[in-house]
Amino acid sequence: MQHSPAFLALVNAAKAVIHEMTISDLQQQGTPYVLLDTREDHEWQQGHLPGAMHLGKGIIERDIEQTVQDKQQRIILYCGGGYRSALAAQTLQQMGYQQVFSLAGGYRAWQEQGLPIELP
């Protein structure tokens, strides 16, 4: 998908202030974490990372405090390619969450590596 220059500028600004994590980093996570899929409902229905919960980008700000009450909890966000999750990570940081990461490459990178997915 071709993204607009303004959207890419917004994402790049977010990536300058958030933490990204690679798939390899995710696979090595030993401490408890919450894995959140920030894609749209129809994307979630087509498959998601094992163990993920779904809070789409459109509702994450509204519902995150009911889903993850502890603002020290490690949260790993992903979307289709790592753009929307970067924006969501920035927002969660602004809301006071301390350990928020965006998965670089997102769901597409996960699939390209042939890793398992779950269907709802």
Protein backbone atom coordinates (compact mmCIF):
# COMPACT_ATOMS: atom_id res chain seq x y z
CA MET A 1 0.00 0.00 0.00
CA GLN A 2 1.25 3.45 -0.91
CA HIS A 3 1.08 5.77 2.08
CA SER A 4 0.72 9.53 1.79
CA PRO A 5 3.70 11.74 2.63
CA ALA A 6 1.83 13.42 5.50
CA PHE A 7 0.98 10.05 7.06
CA LEU A 8 4.58 8.87 6.74
CA ALA A 9 5.81 12.10 8.34
CA LEU A 10 3.42 11.54 11.26
CA VAL A 11 4.62 7.94 11.66
CA ASN A 12 8.29 8.96 11.46
CA ALA A 13 7.71 11.59 14.16
CA ALA A 14 6.09 8.93 16.36
CA LYS A 15 8.92 6.48 15.74
CA ALA A 16 11.38 9.10 16.95
CA VAL A 17 9.83 9.01 20.45
CA ILE A 18 8.70 5.38 20.85
CA HIS A 19 10.45 2.04 21.18
CA GLU A 20 10.25 -0.55 18.44
CA MET A 21 10.82 -4.26 18.88
CA THR A 22 11.76 -6.83 16.24
CA ILE A 23 10.06 -10.19 15.88
CA SER A 24 13.23 -11.78 17.25
CA ASP A 25 13.02 -9.50 20.30
CA LEU A 26 9.37 -10.50 20.78
CA GLN A 27 10.20 -14.20 20.60
CA GLN A 28 12.81 -13.73 23.34
CA GLN A 29 10.50 -11.88 25.75
CA GLY A 30 10.69 -13.64 29.07
CA THR A 31 8.78 -11.22 31.24
CA PRO A 32 4.99 -11.06 31.12
CA TYR A 33 3.63 -8.73 28.48
CA VAL A 34 0.35 -7.84 26.80
CA LEU A 35 0.29 -8.31 23.02
CA LEU A 36 -2.24 -6.02 21.36
CA ASP A 37 -3.37 -6.14 17.74
CA THR A 38 -4.32 -2.60 16.70
CA ARG A 39 -5.65 -3.52 13.25
CA GLU A 40 -9.22 -3.14 12.08
CA ASP A 41 -11.82 -5.78 13.00
CA HIS A 42 -11.84 -7.34 9.52
CA GLU A 43 -8.04 -7.71 9.62
CA TRP A 44 -8.21 -9.39 13.04
CA GLN A 45 -10.81 -11.85 11.71
CA GLN A 46 -8.36 -12.99 9.00
CA GLY A 47 -5.80 -14.07 11.61
CA HIS A 48 -3.59 -12.68 14.34
CA LEU A 49 -0.47 -13.44 16.35
CA PRO A 50 -0.86 -16.21 18.92
CA GLY A 51 -1.92 -14.90 22.31
CA ALA A 52 -2.84 -11.44 21.03
CA MET A 53 -5.80 -9.41 22.21
CA HIS A 54 -7.59 -7.02 19.89
CA LEU A 55 -7.97 -3.29 20.47
CA GLY A 56 -8.24 -1.54 17.13
CA LYS A 57 -6.49 1.79 16.57
CA GLY A 58 -9.87 3.51 16.55
CA ILE A 59 -10.76 2.46 20.11
CA ILE A 60 -7.47 1.82 21.89
CA GLU A 61 -7.41 5.18 23.66
CA ARG A 62 -10.96 4.68 24.88
CA ASP A 63 -10.55 1.08 26.09
CA ILE A 64 -6.90 0.62 27.08
CA GLU A 65 -7.41 1.51 30.75
CA GLN A 66 -10.06 -1.22 31.12
CA THR A 67 -7.84 -3.74 29.31
CA VAL A 68 -4.48 -2.86 30.92
CA GLN A 69 -4.88 -1.09 34.24
CA ASP A 70 -1.18 -1.24 35.25
CA LYS A 71 0.67 1.55 33.47
CA GLN A 72 3.96 -0.24 34.21
CA GLN A 73 2.84 -3.38 32.30
CA ARG A 74 4.89 -4.15 29.20
CA ILE A 75 2.66 -3.69 26.13
CA ILE A 76 3.65 -4.78 22.64
CA LEU A 77 1.50 -3.38 19.83
CA TYR A 78 1.34 -4.51 16.24
CA CYS A 79 -0.61 -3.67 13.11
CA GLY A 80 -0.25 -4.64 9.46
CA GLY A 81 3.15 -3.09 8.88
CA GLY A 82 4.21 -1.20 11.99
CA TYR A 83 2.79 2.21 11.15
CA ARG A 84 -0.50 2.35 13.07
CA SER A 85 1.07 0.55 16.02
CA ALA A 86 3.77 3.23 16.18
CA LEU A 87 1.10 5.93 16.34
CA ALA A 88 -0.81 3.96 19.00
CA ALA A 89 2.41 3.46 21.00
CA GLN A 90 2.99 7.20 21.03
CA THR A 91 -0.54 7.80 22.26
CA LEU A 92 -0.26 5.20 25.03
CA GLN A 93 2.99 6.81 26.17
CA GLN A 94 1.17 10.15 26.31
CA MET A 95 -1.47 8.43 28.46
CA GLY A 96 1.20 7.41 30.96
CA TYR A 97 2.05 3.85 29.92
CA GLN A 98 5.75 3.32 30.60
CA GLN A 99 6.71 0.15 28.70
CA VAL A 100 5.11 0.38 25.26
CA PHE A 101 6.67 -1.13 22.14
CA SER A 102 5.64 -1.25 18.49
CA LEU A 103 6.44 -4.44 16.57
CA ALA A 104 8.60 -3.48 13.59
CA GLY A 105 7.14 -4.85 10.36
CA GLY A 106 3.93 -5.91 12.08
CA TYR A 107 1.69 -8.74 10.96
CA ARG A 108 3.13 -8.74 7.42
CA ALA A 109 6.66 -9.39 8.68
CA TRP A 110 5.30 -12.14 10.95
CA GLN A 111 3.61 -13.84 8.00
CA GLU A 112 6.65 -13.39 5.74
CA GLN A 113 8.69 -15.33 8.29
CA GLY A 114 6.16 -18.16 8.13
CA LEU A 115 5.32 -17.90 11.83
CA PRO A 116 2.07 -19.34 13.21
CA ILE A 117 -1.13 -17.33 13.34
CA GLU A 118 -4.41 -17.86 15.16
CA LEU A 119 -7.89 -17.49 13.77
CA PRO A 120 -10.67 -16.17 16.00
